Amino acid sequence: MEHIELFFKSIFIDNMVFATFLGMCSYLAVSKKVSTAVGLGAAVIFVLAITVPLNWLLDQYILQPGALSWLGDEYAAYDLSFLSFIMFIATIATMVQLVEIVVEKFSPSLYNSLGIFLPLIAVNCAILGGSLFMQSREIPTLGLSAVYGIGSGIGWFLAILAIAAIREKIRYSNVPPALRGLGITFIITGLMAIGFMSFGGMLTGGDDEAKSEDKTAATEVIENEVKSETETENTLNVADNTNKL
């Protein structure tokens, strides 16, 4: 259940584009055609699915304070967390280079259409953001980090695919001259971000019910305590009156 919840949350609620606005440069530049958007989105899914778990392993066994204790007690005091950015970027750059080689080999047309934006995945803030969010949110297991990486990549893929499909249709629409191009794209992105905000309560209904049940139980406990105190006071008052008589 935890894996499913994290998966859907990373796609819809914590969407890289619509919730944190990461990866906007590639999102705007490569979303003019659906075909190129699909290719870049698939590459982002692959890179996030590989780099987030790899960076989780680096963070758990090398970078965190005391993570080197598996080498011996004399290494337990080392703290290499200041190397996080360098190690994460090195892992991402390696995977992006692998993706670039594979795309150039098996799909030269897609490689040419993506152009400079394919190697720029290495400096795409959405890719690095996935690893940094994984680290800051302290995702506990390797499996959950893989789910988070795949979900974040799918969320970014859905965002660029949606805006690419809309931009292809907009070419045949009567858009005011002042808003043509990036202007109307930013407006549509903002509207889609508002739409994705509606998913915010998708996974919190059970929490709300649990909280309401806890509040009800707490209220009942307080009422019972008040009643017992009132009965005790009444009993004492009766006893005092009896003694006076």
C-alpha atoms as a PDB file:
ATOM      1  CA  MET A   1       0.000   0.000   0.000  1.00  0.00           C
ATOM      2  CA  GLU A   2       2.866   2.335   0.819  1.00  0.00           C
ATOM      3  CA  HIS A   3       4.426   1.764  -2.605  1.00  0.00           C
ATOM      4  CA  ILE A   4       1.144   2.472  -4.417  1.00  0.00           C
ATOM      5  CA  GLU A   5       0.525   5.609  -2.380  1.00  0.00           C
ATOM      6  CA  LEU A   6       4.024   6.969  -3.060  1.00  0.00           C
ATOM      7  CA  PHE A   7       3.700   6.096  -6.757  1.00  0.00           C
ATOM      8  CA  PHE A   8       0.475   8.041  -7.311  1.00  0.00           C
ATOM      9  CA  LYS A   9       1.566  10.854  -5.038  1.00  0.00           C
ATOM     10  CA  SER A  10       4.780  11.416  -7.025  1.00  0.00           C
ATOM     11  CA  ILE A  11       2.802  11.444 -10.296  1.00  0.00           C
ATOM     12  CA  PHE A  12      -0.151  13.668  -9.442  1.00  0.00           C
ATOM     13  CA  ILE A  13       0.333  15.464  -6.126  1.00  0.00           C
ATOM     14  CA  ASP A  14       4.113  16.132  -6.150  1.00  0.00           C
ATOM     15  CA  ASN A  15       4.371  16.451  -9.934  1.00  0.00           C
ATOM     16  CA  MET A  16       7.819  17.758 -10.882  1.00  0.00           C
ATOM     17  CA  VAL A  17       6.433  20.345 -13.312  1.00  0.00           C
ATOM     18  CA  PHE A  18       3.118  21.407 -11.828  1.00  0.00           C
ATOM     19  CA  ALA A  19       3.968  21.221  -8.105  1.00  0.00           C
ATOM     20  CA  THR A  20       7.627  22.277  -7.990  1.00  0.00           C
ATOM     21  CA  PHE A  21       8.146  23.717 -11.528  1.00  0.00           C
ATOM     22  CA  LEU A  22      11.337  21.748 -12.105  1.00  0.00           C
ATOM     23  CA  GLY A  23      12.555  20.890 -15.597  1.00  0.00           C
ATOM     24  CA  MET A  24      10.750  23.830 -17.186  1.00  0.00           C
ATOM     25  CA  CYS A  25      13.463  24.559 -19.769  1.00  0.00           C
ATOM     26  CA  SER A  26      13.107  21.189 -21.501  1.00  0.00           C
ATOM     27  CA  TYR A  27       9.363  21.196 -20.838  1.00  0.00           C
ATOM     28  CA  LEU A  28       8.930  24.405 -22.836  1.00  0.00           C
ATOM     29  CA  ALA A  29      11.543  23.819 -25.525  1.00  0.00           C
ATOM     30  CA  VAL A  30      10.755  20.231 -26.559  1.00  0.00           C
ATOM     31  CA  SER A  31       6.957  20.353 -26.268  1.00  0.00           C
ATOM     32  CA  LYS A  32       6.174  21.682 -29.739  1.00  0.00           C
ATOM     33  CA  LYS A  33       5.563  18.185 -31.140  1.00  0.00           C
ATOM     34  CA  VAL A  34       4.133  15.115 -29.439  1.00  0.00           C
ATOM     35  CA  SER A  35       6.694  12.773 -31.004  1.00  0.00           C
ATOM     36  CA  THR A  36       9.673  14.602 -29.525  1.00  0.00           C
ATOM     37  CA  ALA A  37       7.871  15.051 -26.203  1.00  0.00           C
ATOM     38  CA  VAL A  38       7.287  11.300 -25.964  1.00  0.00           C
ATOM     39  CA  GLY A  39      10.949  10.555 -26.692  1.00  0.00           C
ATOM     40  CA  LEU A  40      12.283  13.012 -24.137  1.00  0.00           C
ATOM     41  CA  GLY A  41       9.697  11.961 -21.562  1.00  0.00           C
ATOM     42  CA  ALA A  42      10.676   8.309 -21.934  1.00  0.00           C
ATOM     43  CA  ALA A  43      14.334   9.255 -21.518  1.00  0.00           C
ATOM     44  CA  VAL A  44      13.512  11.190 -18.332  1.00  0.00           C
ATOM     45  CA  ILE A  45      11.579   8.212 -16.921  1.00  0.00           C
ATOM     46  CA  PHE A  46      14.532   5.926 -17.604  1.00  0.00           C
ATOM     47  CA  VAL A  47      17.094   8.295 -16.082  1.00  0.00           C
ATOM     48  CA  LEU A  48      15.006   8.946 -12.950  1.00  0.00           C
ATOM     49  CA  ALA A  49      14.210   5.250 -12.512  1.00  0.00           C
ATOM     50  CA  ILE A  50      17.938   4.426 -12.517  1.00  0.00           C
ATOM     51  CA  THR A  51      19.524   7.429 -10.804  1.00  0.00           C
ATOM     52  CA  VAL A  52      17.180   7.797  -7.805  1.00  0.00           C
ATOM     53  CA  PRO A  53      17.801   4.226  -6.494  1.00  0.00           C
ATOM     54  CA  LEU A  54      21.520   4.504  -7.252  1.00  0.00           C
ATOM     55  CA  ASN A  55      21.750   7.799  -5.415  1.00  0.00           C
ATOM     56  CA  TRP A  56      19.757   6.261  -2.545  1.00  0.00           C
ATOM     57  CA  LEU A  57      22.451   3.595  -2.223  1.00  0.00           C
ATOM     58  CA  LEU A  58      25.169   6.249  -2.338  1.00  0.00           C
ATOM     59  CA  ASP A  59      23.380   8.289   0.295  1.00  0.00           C
ATOM     60  CA  GLN A  60      22.759   5.324   2.626  1.00  0.00           C
ATOM     61  CA  TYR A  61      26.168   3.652   2.424  1.00  0.00           C
ATOM     62  CA  ILE A  62      28.595   6.496   1.663  1.00  0.00           C
ATOM     63  CA  LEU A  63      27.266  10.027   2.145  1.00  0.00           C
ATOM     64  CA  GLN A  64      25.231  10.071   5.361  1.00  0.00           C
ATOM     65  CA  PRO A  65      26.946  10.689   8.710  1.00  0.00           C
ATOM     66  CA  GLY A  66      28.144   7.312   9.954  1.00  0.00           C
ATOM     67  CA  ALA A  67      27.251   5.584   6.679  1.00  0.00           C
ATOM     68  CA  LEU A  68      30.802   4.215   6.342  1.00  0.00           C
ATOM     69  CA  SER A  69      30.486   2.127   9.499  1.00  0.00           C
ATOM     70  CA  TRP A  70      30.185  -0.967   7.288  1.00  0.00           C
ATOM     71  CA  LEU A  71      33.901  -0.501   6.512  1.00  0.00           C
ATOM     72  CA  GLY A  72      34.811  -0.586  10.191  1.00  0.00           C
ATOM     73  CA  ASP A  73      34.295   1.246  13.444  1.00  0.00           C
ATOM     74  CA  GLU A  74      37.141   3.654  12.673  1.00  0.00           C
ATOM     75  CA  TYR A  75      35.142   5.028   9.698  1.00  0.00           C
ATOM     76  CA  ALA A  76      31.875   5.565  11.605  1.00  0.00           C
ATOM     77  CA  ALA A  77      32.740   9.174  12.458  1.00  0.00           C
ATOM     78  CA  TYR A  78      33.158  10.272   8.828  1.00  0.00           C
ATOM     79  CA  ASP A  79      30.528  12.595   7.332  1.00  0.00           C
ATOM     80  CA  LEU A  80      30.639  12.881   3.525  1.00  0.00           C
ATOM     81  CA  SER A  81      27.265  14.581   3.090  1.00  0.00           C
ATOM     82  CA  PHE A  82      29.007  17.628   1.564  1.00  0.00           C
ATOM     83  CA  LEU A  83      29.712  15.466  -1.501  1.00  0.00           C
ATOM     84  CA  SER A  84      26.015  14.819  -2.203  1.00  0.00           C
ATOM     85  CA  PHE A  85      25.669  17.217  -5.127  1.00  0.00           C
ATOM     86  CA  ILE A  86      28.871  16.035  -6.796  1.00  0.00           C
ATOM     87  CA  MET A  87      28.058  12.339  -6.433  1.00  0.00           C
ATOM     88  CA  PHE A  88      24.442  12.744  -7.531  1.00  0.00           C
ATOM     89  CA  ILE A  89      25.380  14.775 -10.611  1.00  0.00           C
ATOM     90  CA  ALA A  90      28.101  12.271 -11.541  1.00  0.00           C
ATOM     91  CA  THR A  91      25.584   9.409 -11.403  1.00  0.00           C
ATOM     92  CA  ILE A  92      23.054  11.390 -13.451  1.00  0.00           C
ATOM     93  CA  ALA A  93      25.631  12.382 -16.079  1.00  0.00           C
ATOM     94  CA  THR A  94      26.688   8.753 -16.497  1.00  0.00           C
ATOM     95  CA  MET A  95      23.121   7.561 -17.051  1.00  0.00           C
ATOM     96  CA  VAL A  96      22.341  10.418 -19.445  1.00  0.00           C
ATOM     97  CA  GLN A  97      25.415   9.563 -21.497  1.00  0.00           C
ATOM     98  CA  LEU A  98      24.181   5.968 -21.701  1.00  0.00           C
ATOM     99  CA  VAL A  99      20.726   7.151 -22.836  1.00  0.00           C
ATOM    100  CA  GLU A 100      22.290   9.412 -25.460  1.00  0.00           C
ATOM    101  CA  ILE A 101      24.348   6.547 -26.899  1.00  0.00           C
ATOM    102  CA  VAL A 102      21.310   4.222 -27.026  1.00  0.00           C
ATOM    103  CA  VAL A 103      19.026   6.822 -28.655  1.00  0.00           C
ATOM    104  CA  GLU A 104      21.652   7.776 -31.229  1.00  0.00           C
ATOM    105  CA  LYS A 105      22.176   4.108 -32.089  1.00  0.00           C
ATOM    106  CA  PHE A 106      18.569   2.942 -32.374  1.00  0.00           C
ATOM    107  CA  SER A 107      16.628   6.149 -33.230  1.00  0.00           C
ATOM    108  CA  PRO A 108      18.749   8.693 -35.127  1.00  0.00           C
ATOM    109  CA  SER A 109      15.666  10.709 -36.108  1.00  0.00           C
ATOM    110  CA  LEU A 110      14.646  11.153 -32.463  1.00  0.00           C
ATOM    111  CA  TYR A 111      18.245  11.959 -31.570  1.00  0.00           C
ATOM    112  CA  ASN A 112      18.338  14.704 -34.198  1.00  0.00           C
ATOM    113  CA  SER A 113      14.940  16.113 -33.202  1.00  0.00           C
ATOM    114  CA  LEU A 114      15.876  16.300 -29.524  1.00  0.00           C
ATOM    115  CA  GLY A 115      19.147  17.989 -30.391  1.00  0.00           C
ATOM    116  CA  ILE A 116      21.012  19.624 -27.527  1.00  0.00           C
ATOM    117  CA  PHE A 117      18.224  18.916 -25.045  1.00  0.00           C
ATOM    118  CA  LEU A 118      19.060  15.215 -24.788  1.00  0.00           C
ATOM    119  CA  PRO A 119      22.523  15.716 -23.245  1.00  0.00           C
ATOM    120  CA  LEU A 120      21.060  18.604 -21.229  1.00  0.00           C
ATOM    121  CA  ILE A 121      19.038  16.043 -19.258  1.00  0.00           C
ATOM    122  CA  ALA A 122      22.195  15.792 -17.166  1.00  0.00           C
ATOM    123  CA  VAL A 123      21.607  19.341 -15.912  1.00  0.00           C
ATOM    124  CA  ASN A 124      17.818  19.096 -15.909  1.00  0.00           C
ATOM    125  CA  CYS A 125      16.794  20.265 -12.447  1.00  0.00           C
ATOM    126  CA  ALA A 126      13.936  17.718 -12.400  1.00  0.00           C
ATOM    127  CA  ILE A 127      16.468  14.857 -12.539  1.00  0.00           C
ATOM    128  CA  LEU A 128      18.599  16.247  -9.726  1.00  0.00           C
ATOM    129  CA  GLY A 129      15.464  17.293  -7.855  1.00  0.00           C
ATOM    130  CA  GLY A 130      14.271  13.677  -7.780  1.00  0.00           C
ATOM    131  CA  SER A 131      17.436  12.576  -5.969  1.00  0.00           C
ATOM    132  CA  LEU A 132      17.454  15.557  -3.617  1.00  0.00           C
ATOM    133  CA  PHE A 133      13.780  15.091  -2.719  1.00  0.00           C
ATOM    134  CA  MET A 134      14.507  11.414  -2.093  1.00  0.00           C
ATOM    135  CA  GLN A 135      17.283  12.447   0.287  1.00  0.00           C
ATOM    136  CA  SER A 136      15.377  15.227   2.067  1.00  0.00           C
ATOM    137  CA  ARG A 137      12.230  13.119   2.535  1.00  0.00           C
ATOM    138  CA  GLU A 138      14.332  10.279   3.940  1.00  0.00           C
ATOM    139  CA  ILE A 139      12.763   7.530   1.857  1.00  0.00           C
ATOM    140  CA  PRO A 140      13.494   4.420   3.934  1.00  0.00           C
ATOM    141  CA  THR A 141      14.009   1.594   1.410  1.00  0.00           C
ATOM    142  CA  LEU A 142      15.538   0.978  -2.010  1.00  0.00           C
ATOM    143  CA  GLY A 143      12.199  -0.245  -3.371  1.00  0.00           C
ATOM    144  CA  LEU A 144      10.420   2.948  -2.342  1.00  0.00           C
ATOM    145  CA  SER A 145      13.173   5.061  -3.906  1.00  0.00           C
ATOM    146  CA  ALA A 146      12.751   3.166  -7.191  1.00  0.00           C
ATOM    147  CA  VAL A 147       8.983   3.693  -7.036  1.00  0.00           C
ATOM    148  CA  TYR A 148       9.511   7.381  -6.345  1.00  0.00           C
ATOM    149  CA  GLY A 149      11.928   7.723  -9.272  1.00  0.00           C
ATOM    150  CA  ILE A 150       9.590   5.963 -11.711  1.00  0.00           C
ATOM    151  CA  GLY A 151       6.560   7.915 -10.480  1.00  0.00           C
ATOM    152  CA  SER A 152       8.373  11.252 -10.744  1.00  0.00           C
ATOM    153  CA  GLY A 153       9.476  10.409 -14.279  1.00  0.00           C
ATOM    154  CA  ILE A 154       5.950   9.427 -15.304  1.00  0.00           C
ATOM    155  CA  GLY A 155       4.624  12.662 -13.811  1.00  0.00           C
ATOM    156  CA  TRP A 156       7.084  14.705 -15.857  1.00  0.00           C
ATOM    157  CA  PHE A 157       6.257  12.611 -18.932  1.00  0.00           C
ATOM    158  CA  LEU A 158       2.518  13.268 -18.536  1.00  0.00           C
ATOM    159  CA  ALA A 159       3.151  16.990 -18.136  1.00  0.00           C
ATOM    160  CA  ILE A 160       5.237  17.390 -21.293  1.00  0.00           C
ATOM    161  CA  LEU A 161       2.949  15.058 -23.276  1.00  0.00           C
ATOM    162  CA  ALA A 162      -0.142  17.054 -22.280  1.00  0.00           C
ATOM    163  CA  ILE A 163       1.352  20.433 -23.143  1.00  0.00           C
ATOM    164  CA  ALA A 164       2.734  19.090 -26.447  1.00  0.00           C
ATOM    165  CA  ALA A 165      -0.702  17.802 -27.486  1.00  0.00           C
ATOM    166  CA  ILE A 166      -2.298  21.134 -26.538  1.00  0.00           C
ATOM    167  CA  ARG A 167       0.350  23.179 -28.366  1.00  0.00           C
ATOM    168  CA  GLU A 168      -0.206  21.161 -31.530  1.00  0.00           C
ATOM    169  CA  LYS A 169      -3.924  22.027 -31.389  1.00  0.00           C
ATOM    170  CA  ILE A 170      -3.266  25.665 -30.533  1.00  0.00           C
ATOM    171  CA  ARG A 171      -1.619  26.173 -33.929  1.00  0.00           C
ATOM    172  CA  TYR A 172      -5.079  26.026 -35.472  1.00  0.00           C
ATOM    173  CA  SER A 173      -6.691  28.269 -32.833  1.00  0.00           C
ATOM    174  CA  ASN A 174      -7.220  31.999 -32.904  1.00  0.00           C
ATOM    175  CA  VAL A 175      -4.797  33.021 -30.166  1.00  0.00           C
ATOM    176  CA  PRO A 176      -4.284  36.786 -29.612  1.00  0.00           C
ATOM    177  CA  PRO A 177      -0.974  37.876 -31.154  1.00  0.00           C
ATOM    178  CA  ALA A 178       0.422  39.088 -27.830  1.00  0.00           C
ATOM    179  CA  LEU A 179      -0.036  35.628 -26.275  1.00  0.00           C
ATOM    180  CA  ARG A 180       1.224  33.445 -29.098  1.00  0.00           C
ATOM    181  CA  GLY A 181       4.183  31.212 -28.309  1.00  0.00           C
ATOM    182  CA  LEU A 182       5.396  31.043 -24.736  1.00  0.00           C
ATOM    183  CA  GLY A 183       2.702  33.391 -23.439  1.00  0.00           C
ATOM    184  CA  ILE A 184      -0.229  31.050 -24.015  1.00  0.00           C
ATOM    185  CA  THR A 185       1.986  28.088 -23.028  1.00  0.00           C
ATOM    186  CA  PHE A 186       2.630  29.591 -19.600  1.00  0.00           C
ATOM    187  CA  ILE A 187      -1.071  30.319 -19.138  1.00  0.00           C
ATOM    188  CA  ILE A 188      -2.026  26.740 -20.034  1.00  0.00           C
ATOM    189  CA  THR A 189       0.712  25.397 -17.742  1.00  0.00           C
ATOM    190  CA  GLY A 190      -0.679  27.445 -14.870  1.00  0.00           C
ATOM    191  CA  LEU A 191      -4.196  26.166 -15.536  1.00  0.00           C
ATOM    192  CA  MET A 192      -2.972  22.560 -15.650  1.00  0.00           C
ATOM    193  CA  ALA A 193      -1.068  23.122 -12.398  1.00  0.00           C
ATOM    194  CA  ILE A 194      -4.313  24.310 -10.783  1.00  0.00           C
ATOM    195  CA  GLY A 195      -6.024  21.197 -12.128  1.00  0.00           C
ATOM    196  CA  PHE A 196      -3.326  18.944 -10.672  1.00  0.00           C
ATOM    197  CA  MET A 197      -3.738  20.679  -7.307  1.00  0.00           C
ATOM    198  CA  SER A 198      -7.166  19.060  -7.136  1.00  0.00           C
ATOM    199  CA  PHE A 199      -5.403  15.721  -6.676  1.00  0.00           C
ATOM    200  CA  GLY A 200      -4.026  16.993  -3.366  1.00  0.00           C
ATOM    201  CA  GLY A 201      -6.829  15.392  -1.363  1.00  0.00           C
ATOM    202  CA  MET A 202      -6.741  12.115  -3.286  1.00  0.00           C
ATOM    203  CA  LEU A 203      -4.643  10.275  -0.698  1.00  0.00           C
ATOM    204  CA  THR A 204      -5.612  12.205   2.428  1.00  0.00           C
ATOM    205  CA  GLY A 205      -9.219  11.068   2.845  1.00  0.00           C
ATOM    206  CA  GLY A 206      -8.269   8.158   5.058  1.00  0.00           C
ATOM    207  CA  ASP A 207      -6.063  10.409   7.168  1.00  0.00           C
ATOM    208  CA  ASP A 208      -8.929  12.842   7.643  1.00  0.00           C
ATOM    209  CA  GLU A 209     -11.239  10.022   8.705  1.00  0.00           C
ATOM    210  CA  ALA A 210      -8.645   8.703  11.120  1.00  0.00           C
ATOM    211  CA  LYS A 211      -8.151  12.185  12.562  1.00  0.00           C
ATOM    212  CA  SER A 212     -11.908  12.673  12.967  1.00  0.00           C
ATOM    213  CA  GLU A 213     -12.162   9.287  14.711  1.00  0.00           C
ATOM    214  CA  ASP A 214      -9.293  10.240  17.016  1.00  0.00           C
ATOM    215  CA  LYS A 215     -10.977  13.563  17.786  1.00  0.00           C
ATOM    216  CA  THR A 216     -14.282  11.794  18.506  1.00  0.00           C
ATOM    217  CA  ALA A 217     -12.584   9.301  20.808  1.00  0.00           C
ATOM    218  CA  ALA A 218     -10.725  12.099  22.585  1.00  0.00           C
ATOM    219  CA  THR A 219     -13.969  14.041  23.002  1.00  0.00           C
ATOM    220  CA  GLU A 220     -15.692  10.998  24.489  1.00  0.00           C
ATOM    221  CA  VAL A 221     -12.823  10.487  26.925  1.00  0.00           C
ATOM    222  CA  ILE A 222     -12.998  14.117  28.041  1.00  0.00           C
ATOM    223  CA  GLU A 223     -16.775  13.952  28.453  1.00  0.00           C
ATOM    224  CA  ASN A 224     -16.470  10.790  30.519  1.00  0.00           C
ATOM    225  CA  GLU A 225     -13.845  12.402  32.726  1.00  0.00           C
ATOM    226  CA  VAL A 226     -16.022  15.486  33.206  1.00  0.00           C
ATOM    227  CA  LYS A 227     -19.002  13.299  34.103  1.00  0.00           C
ATOM    228  CA  SER A 228     -16.970  11.279  36.579  1.00  0.00           C
ATOM    229  CA  GLU A 229     -15.627  14.457  38.184  1.00  0.00           C
ATOM    230  CA  THR A 230     -19.150  15.892  38.414  1.00  0.00           C
ATOM    231  CA  GLU A 231     -20.477  12.699  40.000  1.00  0.00           C
ATOM    232  CA  THR A 232     -17.594  12.712  42.466  1.00  0.00           C
ATOM    233  CA  GLU A 233     -18.298  16.325  43.429  1.00  0.00           C
ATOM    234  CA  ASN A 234     -21.988  15.574  43.858  1.00  0.00           C
ATOM    235  CA  THR A 235     -21.171  12.584  46.055  1.00  0.00           C
ATOM    236  CA  LEU A 236     -18.862  14.710  48.205  1.00  0.00           C
ATOM    237  CA  ASN A 237     -21.468  17.444  48.513  1.00  0.00           C
ATOM    238  CA  VAL A 238     -24.092  14.916  49.608  1.00  0.00           C
ATOM    239  CA  ALA A 239     -21.684  13.476  52.170  1.00  0.00           C
ATOM    240  CA  ASP A 240     -20.923  16.969  53.557  1.00  0.00           C
ATOM    241  CA  ASN A 241     -24.600  17.790  53.859  1.00  0.00           C
ATOM    242  CA  THR A 242     -25.234  14.512  55.643  1.00  0.00           C
ATOM    243  CA  ASN A 243     -22.430  15.212  58.134  1.00  0.00           C
ATOM    244  CA  LYS A 244     -23.838  18.682  58.824  1.00  0.00           C
ATOM    245  CA  LEU A 245     -27.255  17.224  59.564  1.00  0.00           C
END
